[in-house]
């Protein structure tokens, strides 16, 4: 797992979504911890796209339960971007 990806995710979650850093743990439930509503999901997608440079599809989030799932999703998409370019 790329430590820089995780650090970037933590930074924008704390800054943009005002999540207490101690609540962000790999096994924690992403939706419950962030208390996301549908507008927050849109904000999260925009922040991901601007930080990592790939498009997020809404259906991608259906398989994301924990922060670890989220890290793996972002890491996989970042790796996919690098292999294309």
C-alpha atoms as a PDB file:
ATOM      1  CA  UNK A   1       0.000   0.000   0.000  1.00  0.00           C
ATOM      2  CA  UNK A   2       1.325   3.410  -0.980  1.00  0.00           C
ATOM      3  CA  UNK A   3       1.815   5.472   2.175  1.00  0.00           C
ATOM      4  CA  UNK A   4       1.487   8.731   0.205  1.00  0.00           C
ATOM      5  CA  UNK A   5      -2.001   7.721  -1.012  1.00  0.00           C
ATOM      6  CA  UNK A   6      -3.111   7.009   2.560  1.00  0.00           C
ATOM      7  CA  UNK A   7      -1.607  10.279   3.845  1.00  0.00           C
ATOM      8  CA  UNK A   8      -3.367  12.234   1.084  1.00  0.00           C
ATOM      9  CA  UNK A   9      -6.689  10.555   1.866  1.00  0.00           C
ATOM     10  CA  UNK A  10      -6.312  11.260   5.601  1.00  0.00           C
ATOM     11  CA  UNK A  11      -5.396  14.892   4.940  1.00  0.00           C
ATOM     12  CA  UNK A  12      -8.460  15.629   2.820  1.00  0.00           C
ATOM     13  CA  UNK A  13     -10.812  13.704   5.116  1.00  0.00           C
ATOM     14  CA  UNK A  14      -9.629  15.717   8.118  1.00  0.00           C
ATOM     15  CA  UNK A  15      -9.611  19.028   6.247  1.00  0.00           C
ATOM     16  CA  UNK A  16     -12.626  18.760   3.921  1.00  0.00           C
ATOM     17  CA  UNK A  17     -14.897  16.485   5.957  1.00  0.00           C
ATOM     18  CA  UNK A  18     -13.777  17.507   9.458  1.00  0.00           C
ATOM     19  CA  UNK A  19     -13.175  13.924  10.568  1.00  0.00           C
ATOM     20  CA  UNK A  20     -11.181  13.480  13.767  1.00  0.00           C
ATOM     21  CA  UNK A  21      -7.887  11.805  12.762  1.00  0.00           C
ATOM     22  CA  UNK A  22      -8.216   9.181  15.503  1.00  0.00           C
ATOM     23  CA  UNK A  23     -11.504   7.963  13.953  1.00  0.00           C
ATOM     24  CA  UNK A  24      -9.777   7.048  10.680  1.00  0.00           C
ATOM     25  CA  UNK A  25      -8.674   3.429  11.004  1.00  0.00           C
ATOM     26  CA  UNK A  26      -8.328   0.756   8.290  1.00  0.00           C
ATOM     27  CA  UNK A  27     -11.032  -1.446   9.840  1.00  0.00           C
ATOM     28  CA  UNK A  28     -13.481   1.416  10.573  1.00  0.00           C
ATOM     29  CA  UNK A  29     -16.683   1.674   8.543  1.00  0.00           C
ATOM     30  CA  UNK A  30     -16.243   4.495   6.020  1.00  0.00           C
ATOM     31  CA  UNK A  31     -19.910   5.534   5.762  1.00  0.00           C
ATOM     32  CA  UNK A  32     -20.533   5.475   9.514  1.00  0.00           C
ATOM     33  CA  UNK A  33     -17.312   7.278  10.408  1.00  0.00           C
ATOM     34  CA  UNK A  34     -17.780  10.022   7.824  1.00  0.00           C
ATOM     35  CA  UNK A  35     -21.590  10.189   8.267  1.00  0.00           C
ATOM     36  CA  UNK A  36     -21.927  10.836   4.537  1.00  0.00           C
ATOM     37  CA  UNK A  37     -25.154  11.932   2.914  1.00  0.00           C
ATOM     38  CA  UNK A  38     -25.642  11.988  -0.863  1.00  0.00           C
ATOM     39  CA  UNK A  39     -24.198  15.503  -1.211  1.00  0.00           C
ATOM     40  CA  UNK A  40     -21.148  14.501   0.826  1.00  0.00           C
ATOM     41  CA  UNK A  41     -20.563  11.605  -1.582  1.00  0.00           C
ATOM     42  CA  UNK A  42     -20.488  14.096  -4.452  1.00  0.00           C
ATOM     43  CA  UNK A  43     -17.972  16.217  -2.525  1.00  0.00           C
ATOM     44  CA  UNK A  44     -15.896  13.111  -1.794  1.00  0.00           C
ATOM     45  CA  UNK A  45     -15.864  12.163  -5.492  1.00  0.00           C
ATOM     46  CA  UNK A  46     -14.756  15.683  -6.472  1.00  0.00           C
ATOM     47  CA  UNK A  47     -11.957  15.654  -3.879  1.00  0.00           C
ATOM     48  CA  UNK A  48     -10.761  12.204  -5.000  1.00  0.00           C
ATOM     49  CA  UNK A  49     -10.780  13.236  -8.660  1.00  0.00           C
ATOM     50  CA  UNK A  50      -8.901  16.470  -7.999  1.00  0.00           C
ATOM     51  CA  UNK A  51      -6.307  14.823  -5.732  1.00  0.00           C
ATOM     52  CA  UNK A  52      -5.671  11.677  -7.731  1.00  0.00           C
ATOM     53  CA  UNK A  53      -6.644  12.551 -11.317  1.00  0.00           C
ATOM     54  CA  UNK A  54      -9.097   9.768 -12.143  1.00  0.00           C
ATOM     55  CA  UNK A  55     -12.861   9.642 -12.637  1.00  0.00           C
ATOM     56  CA  UNK A  56     -14.929   7.916  -9.976  1.00  0.00           C
ATOM     57  CA  UNK A  57     -18.074   6.003 -10.902  1.00  0.00           C
ATOM     58  CA  UNK A  58     -20.850   5.955  -8.280  1.00  0.00           C
ATOM     59  CA  UNK A  59     -21.092   2.161  -8.513  1.00  0.00           C
ATOM     60  CA  UNK A  60     -17.431   1.923  -7.433  1.00  0.00           C
ATOM     61  CA  UNK A  61     -18.531   2.868  -3.920  1.00  0.00           C
ATOM     62  CA  UNK A  62     -20.890  -0.092  -3.504  1.00  0.00           C
ATOM     63  CA  UNK A  63     -17.982  -2.416  -2.656  1.00  0.00           C
ATOM     64  CA  UNK A  64     -16.264   0.052  -0.312  1.00  0.00           C
ATOM     65  CA  UNK A  65     -17.128  -0.669   3.312  1.00  0.00           C
ATOM     66  CA  UNK A  66     -14.021   0.113   5.375  1.00  0.00           C
ATOM     67  CA  UNK A  67     -11.237   2.664   5.074  1.00  0.00           C
ATOM     68  CA  UNK A  68      -8.977  -0.211   3.997  1.00  0.00           C
ATOM     69  CA  UNK A  69     -11.351  -0.906   1.073  1.00  0.00           C
ATOM     70  CA  UNK A  70     -11.207   2.788   0.217  1.00  0.00           C
ATOM     71  CA  UNK A  71      -7.396   2.860   0.311  1.00  0.00           C
ATOM     72  CA  UNK A  72      -7.221  -0.212  -1.919  1.00  0.00           C
ATOM     73  CA  UNK A  73      -9.722   1.256  -4.384  1.00  0.00           C
ATOM     74  CA  UNK A  74      -7.809   4.538  -4.694  1.00  0.00           C
ATOM     75  CA  UNK A  75      -4.446   2.754  -4.840  1.00  0.00           C
ATOM     76  CA  UNK A  76      -5.707   0.439  -7.582  1.00  0.00           C
ATOM     77  CA  UNK A  77      -7.068   3.302  -9.638  1.00  0.00           C
ATOM     78  CA  UNK A  78      -3.854   5.323  -9.222  1.00  0.00           C
ATOM     79  CA  UNK A  79      -1.820   2.306 -10.382  1.00  0.00           C
ATOM     80  CA  UNK A  80      -4.191   1.855 -13.319  1.00  0.00           C
ATOM     81  CA  UNK A  81      -3.698   5.523 -14.298  1.00  0.00           C
ATOM     82  CA  UNK A  82       0.083   5.138 -14.203  1.00  0.00           C
ATOM     83  CA  UNK A  83       0.000   2.026 -16.383  1.00  0.00           C
ATOM     84  CA  UNK A  84      -2.122   3.794 -19.009  1.00  0.00           C
ATOM     85  CA  UNK A  85       0.079   6.879 -19.261  1.00  0.00           C
END
